[in-house]
């Protein structure tokens, strides 16, 4: 799914934020990305989303060498990627339901199916009663859940999430991670950036740990005891 070979990254003429990064992620795998602030977590995700190019080295995505892609081919590949940004990027003139439905509308899905999927997913993230609200009326944590619902509704081949649980409480954070796990079981490759060691410890997924410009792949540890939260998120 994703292969990095001796990849480095820098902004403009500045110093390299990442260097000699090599790893590969299999389809359907689930990885956390962590490291101190400024270690390059967002930069790593930007390269995976094709929003930034490596300054050197080789990167392939869906079996395609990124450097060989035309502009149109890059656009087609990006349609297979769901992204949860730190700044949410919701459209304020659309309702919560309309924001979540947007990827399906763009893909030309039938209206009845769209409504069904949107209602189901909003119930899962605990926002069913806010379907007709505008994003500006919601709290930061609620907006984050809308952004997550929008990113996962089309069941992308690859989901990249940059601190997706940063604005929600621990109970909802665990609930959202269980949603990501269910997507992974359906075949979506998951890459979740987080600062929370406590959250990662509740799951047994491997970790890409960033530090001093490099990335170290750590095998998944036995998860601490946790059960999926019951009922709707508040």
Protein backbone atom coordinates (compact mmCIF):
# COMPACT_ATOMS: atom_id res chain seq x y z
CA UNK A 1 0.00 0.00 0.00
CA UNK A 2 2.71 2.49 1.05
CA UNK A 3 6.46 2.16 0.57
CA UNK A 4 9.15 4.66 1.61
CA UNK A 5 12.74 4.01 0.54
CA UNK A 6 15.41 6.36 1.95
CA UNK A 7 12.92 9.25 1.84
CA UNK A 8 13.82 12.71 3.10
CA UNK A 9 11.61 15.79 3.43
CA UNK A 10 12.21 19.51 3.94
CA UNK A 11 10.35 22.74 3.38
CA UNK A 12 12.00 24.89 0.71
CA UNK A 13 15.67 25.42 1.44
CA UNK A 14 15.32 24.66 5.15
CA UNK A 15 16.86 21.73 7.00
CA UNK A 16 15.56 18.21 6.49
CA UNK A 17 12.74 17.39 8.88
CA UNK A 18 12.83 13.72 7.90
CA UNK A 19 15.75 11.80 6.42
CA UNK A 20 16.56 8.23 5.37
CA UNK A 21 13.00 7.11 6.13
CA UNK A 22 12.27 3.53 5.00
CA UNK A 23 9.25 1.37 5.75
CA UNK A 24 6.34 -0.29 3.99
CA UNK A 25 2.72 -0.73 5.07
CA UNK A 26 0.59 -3.60 3.86
CA UNK A 27 -2.99 -3.15 2.59
CA UNK A 28 -5.48 -3.32 5.44
CA UNK A 29 -2.86 -2.67 8.12
CA UNK A 30 -3.32 -0.28 11.06
CA UNK A 31 -0.43 1.88 12.28
CA UNK A 32 -0.10 4.69 14.76
CA UNK A 33 2.36 7.52 14.08
CA UNK A 34 3.79 9.32 17.09
CA UNK A 35 6.69 11.51 18.17
CA UNK A 36 7.39 14.87 19.80
CA UNK A 37 6.05 18.11 18.35
CA UNK A 38 8.02 19.10 15.28
CA UNK A 39 9.23 15.55 14.63
CA UNK A 40 7.49 15.45 11.23
CA UNK A 41 4.24 13.58 11.81
CA UNK A 42 2.15 15.98 9.70
CA UNK A 43 4.87 16.08 7.02
CA UNK A 44 4.82 12.29 6.80
CA UNK A 45 1.04 12.28 6.36
CA UNK A 46 1.23 15.06 3.75
CA UNK A 47 3.54 12.92 1.63
CA UNK A 48 1.18 9.96 1.97
CA UNK A 49 -1.71 12.19 0.86
CA UNK A 50 0.32 13.43 -2.11
CA UNK A 51 0.06 17.00 -0.85
CA UNK A 52 3.87 17.19 -0.54
CA UNK A 53 6.71 15.47 -2.38
CA UNK A 54 9.80 13.89 -0.85
CA UNK A 55 12.92 16.04 -1.26
CA UNK A 56 14.80 12.84 -2.10
CA UNK A 57 14.33 9.09 -1.96
CA UNK A 58 11.56 6.99 -3.41
CA UNK A 59 7.93 6.71 -2.36
CA UNK A 60 5.23 4.49 -3.84
CA UNK A 61 1.51 4.47 -3.13
CA UNK A 62 -0.97 1.80 -4.25
CA UNK A 63 1.95 0.20 -6.08
CA UNK A 64 2.69 3.35 -8.11
CA UNK A 65 5.92 5.33 -7.99
CA UNK A 66 4.81 8.79 -6.89
CA UNK A 67 7.39 10.66 -9.00
CA UNK A 68 6.12 9.03 -12.19
CA UNK A 69 2.50 10.13 -11.68
CA UNK A 70 0.92 12.75 -13.88
CA UNK A 71 -1.24 15.46 -12.29
CA UNK A 72 -4.43 13.62 -13.29
CA UNK A 73 -3.12 10.33 -11.94
CA UNK A 74 -2.26 11.97 -8.62
CA UNK A 75 -5.81 13.32 -8.46
CA UNK A 76 -7.30 9.88 -9.10
CA UNK A 77 -5.18 8.29 -6.39
CA UNK A 78 -6.15 10.99 -3.89
CA UNK A 79 -9.81 10.03 -4.37
CA UNK A 80 -8.95 6.70 -2.75
CA UNK A 81 -7.60 8.45 0.36
CA UNK A 82 -9.61 9.76 3.29
CA UNK A 83 -8.00 12.46 5.42
CA UNK A 84 -8.85 13.88 8.83
CA UNK A 85 -7.09 17.24 9.12
CA UNK A 86 -6.30 19.00 12.39
CA UNK A 87 -8.25 22.06 11.24
CA UNK A 88 -11.31 19.97 10.21
CA UNK A 89 -11.93 21.86 6.91
CA UNK A 90 -15.71 21.65 7.18
CA UNK A 91 -17.93 23.74 4.89
CA UNK A 92 -19.84 26.19 7.05
CA UNK A 93 -22.63 26.79 4.51
CA UNK A 94 -23.56 23.09 4.59
CA UNK A 95 -25.29 21.20 7.40
CA UNK A 96 -23.53 18.48 9.35
CA UNK A 97 -25.29 15.80 7.29
CA UNK A 98 -24.40 17.57 4.03
CA UNK A 99 -20.73 17.82 5.05
CA UNK A 100 -20.59 14.11 5.84
CA UNK A 101 -22.42 13.20 2.62
CA UNK A 102 -20.10 15.25 0.39
CA UNK A 103 -17.71 12.42 -0.66
CA UNK A 104 -20.66 10.22 -1.63
CA UNK A 105 -22.35 13.04 -3.54
CA UNK A 106 -19.16 13.69 -5.49
CA UNK A 107 -18.95 9.96 -6.26
CA UNK A 108 -22.50 10.05 -7.65
CA UNK A 109 -24.12 7.73 -5.10
CA UNK A 110 -27.93 7.43 -5.03
CA UNK A 111 -29.66 9.84 -2.63
CA UNK A 112 -31.46 7.14 -0.65
CA UNK A 113 -28.22 5.27 0.01
CA UNK A 114 -26.43 8.49 0.90
CA UNK A 115 -29.05 9.39 3.52
CA UNK A 116 -28.89 5.89 4.98
CA UNK A 117 -25.09 5.89 5.30
CA UNK A 118 -24.98 9.42 6.71
CA UNK A 119 -27.62 8.66 9.36
CA UNK A 120 -25.84 5.46 10.38
CA UNK A 121 -22.45 7.09 10.72
CA UNK A 122 -23.72 10.18 12.57
CA UNK A 123 -25.41 7.87 15.08
CA UNK A 124 -22.13 6.01 15.57
CA UNK A 125 -20.15 9.17 16.32
CA UNK A 126 -22.92 10.49 18.56
CA UNK A 127 -24.13 13.36 16.38
CA UNK A 128 -27.48 12.10 15.08
CA UNK A 129 -29.34 14.97 16.76
CA UNK A 130 -27.05 17.53 15.07
CA UNK A 131 -27.59 16.34 11.47
CA UNK A 132 -29.26 19.61 10.40
CA UNK A 133 -26.99 21.96 12.38
CA UNK A 134 -24.25 24.07 10.85
CA UNK A 135 -20.64 23.28 11.85
CA UNK A 136 -20.14 26.75 13.39
CA UNK A 137 -22.75 25.94 16.05
CA UNK A 138 -20.86 22.84 17.25
CA UNK A 139 -18.05 22.48 19.77
CA UNK A 140 -14.54 21.70 18.61
CA UNK A 141 -14.91 18.06 19.61
CA UNK A 142 -18.19 17.76 17.72
CA UNK A 143 -16.67 19.33 14.62
CA UNK A 144 -13.82 16.84 14.85
CA UNK A 145 -16.31 13.96 14.84
CA UNK A 146 -18.04 15.43 11.78
CA UNK A 147 -14.67 15.59 10.00
CA UNK A 148 -13.99 11.96 10.93
CA UNK A 149 -17.42 10.84 9.71
CA UNK A 150 -16.85 12.62 6.39
CA UNK A 151 -13.44 11.00 5.97
CA UNK A 152 -14.62 7.45 6.59
CA UNK A 153 -18.06 7.41 4.96
CA UNK A 154 -16.82 6.33 1.53
CA UNK A 155 -14.66 3.55 3.03
CA UNK A 156 -11.42 4.81 1.46
CA UNK A 157 -8.58 2.45 0.59
CA UNK A 158 -6.31 4.53 2.83
CA UNK A 159 -7.29 6.71 5.79
CA UNK A 160 -4.85 9.26 7.20
CA UNK A 161 -5.81 10.99 10.44
CA UNK A 162 -3.78 13.77 12.06
CA UNK A 163 -4.57 13.82 15.82
CA UNK A 164 -8.19 12.74 15.21
CA UNK A 165 -8.95 12.42 18.92
CA UNK A 166 -7.23 15.60 20.08
CA UNK A 167 -10.45 17.50 20.84
CA UNK A 168 -12.58 14.74 22.35
CA UNK A 169 -12.63 13.10 25.78
CA UNK A 170 -11.10 9.70 26.45
CA UNK A 171 -14.37 7.78 26.16
CA UNK A 172 -15.17 9.18 22.72
CA UNK A 173 -11.54 8.83 21.62
CA UNK A 174 -11.66 5.09 22.30
CA UNK A 175 -15.02 4.84 20.52
CA UNK A 176 -13.57 6.53 17.43
CA UNK A 177 -10.56 4.20 17.45
CA UNK A 178 -12.94 1.25 17.44
CA UNK A 179 -14.63 2.78 14.38
CA UNK A 180 -11.23 3.01 12.69
CA UNK A 181 -10.54 -0.62 13.61
CA UNK A 182 -13.80 -1.73 11.99
CA UNK A 183 -12.82 0.08 8.80
CA UNK A 184 -9.44 -1.64 8.88
CA UNK A 185 -11.17 -5.02 9.10
CA UNK A 186 -13.06 -4.09 5.93
CA UNK A 187 -9.74 -3.50 4.13
CA UNK A 188 -8.95 0.18 4.70
CA UNK A 189 -5.30 0.88 5.53
CA UNK A 190 -5.19 3.12 8.62
CA UNK A 191 -2.46 5.60 9.61
CA UNK A 192 -3.34 7.51 12.78
CA UNK A 193 -1.06 10.25 14.14
CA UNK A 194 -1.39 10.86 17.87
CA UNK A 195 0.55 12.18 20.87
CA UNK A 196 -1.37 9.98 23.29
CA UNK A 197 0.67 7.06 24.59
CA UNK A 198 -2.27 6.13 26.83
CA UNK A 199 -4.59 5.81 23.85
CA UNK A 200 -2.10 3.76 21.82
CA UNK A 201 -1.58 1.43 24.79
CA UNK A 202 -5.25 0.39 24.63
CA UNK A 203 -4.70 -1.11 21.19
CA UNK A 204 -2.18 -3.61 19.87
CA UNK A 205 -1.31 -1.91 16.57
CA UNK A 206 2.30 -1.23 15.49
CA UNK A 207 3.73 2.26 15.83
CA UNK A 208 5.82 4.43 13.51
CA UNK A 209 7.81 6.43 16.05
CA UNK A 210 9.46 9.64 14.79
CA UNK A 211 12.47 11.27 16.38
CA UNK A 212 15.58 13.17 15.28
CA UNK A 213 14.55 12.96 11.64
CA UNK A 214 14.16 9.18 11.51
CA UNK A 215 11.25 6.74 11.78
CA UNK A 216 11.41 3.55 13.83
CA UNK A 217 8.78 0.86 13.35
CA UNK A 218 7.74 -0.73 16.65
CA UNK A 219 5.73 -3.95 16.74
CA UNK A 220 2.33 -3.80 18.35
CA UNK A 221 2.27 -4.44 22.09
CA UNK A 222 -0.42 -6.38 23.95
CA UNK A 223 -3.33 -3.99 24.38
CA UNK A 224 -4.43 -2.96 27.85
CA UNK A 225 -7.91 -4.14 28.81
CA UNK A 226 -10.57 -2.09 27.06
CA UNK A 227 -14.03 -2.70 25.76
CA UNK A 228 -15.97 -0.77 23.17
CA UNK A 229 -18.02 1.94 24.84
CA UNK A 230 -21.71 1.20 24.94
CA UNK A 231 -24.41 3.53 23.72
CA UNK A 232 -24.12 6.68 21.70
CA UNK A 233 -21.26 9.10 22.25
CA UNK A 234 -22.28 12.26 24.08
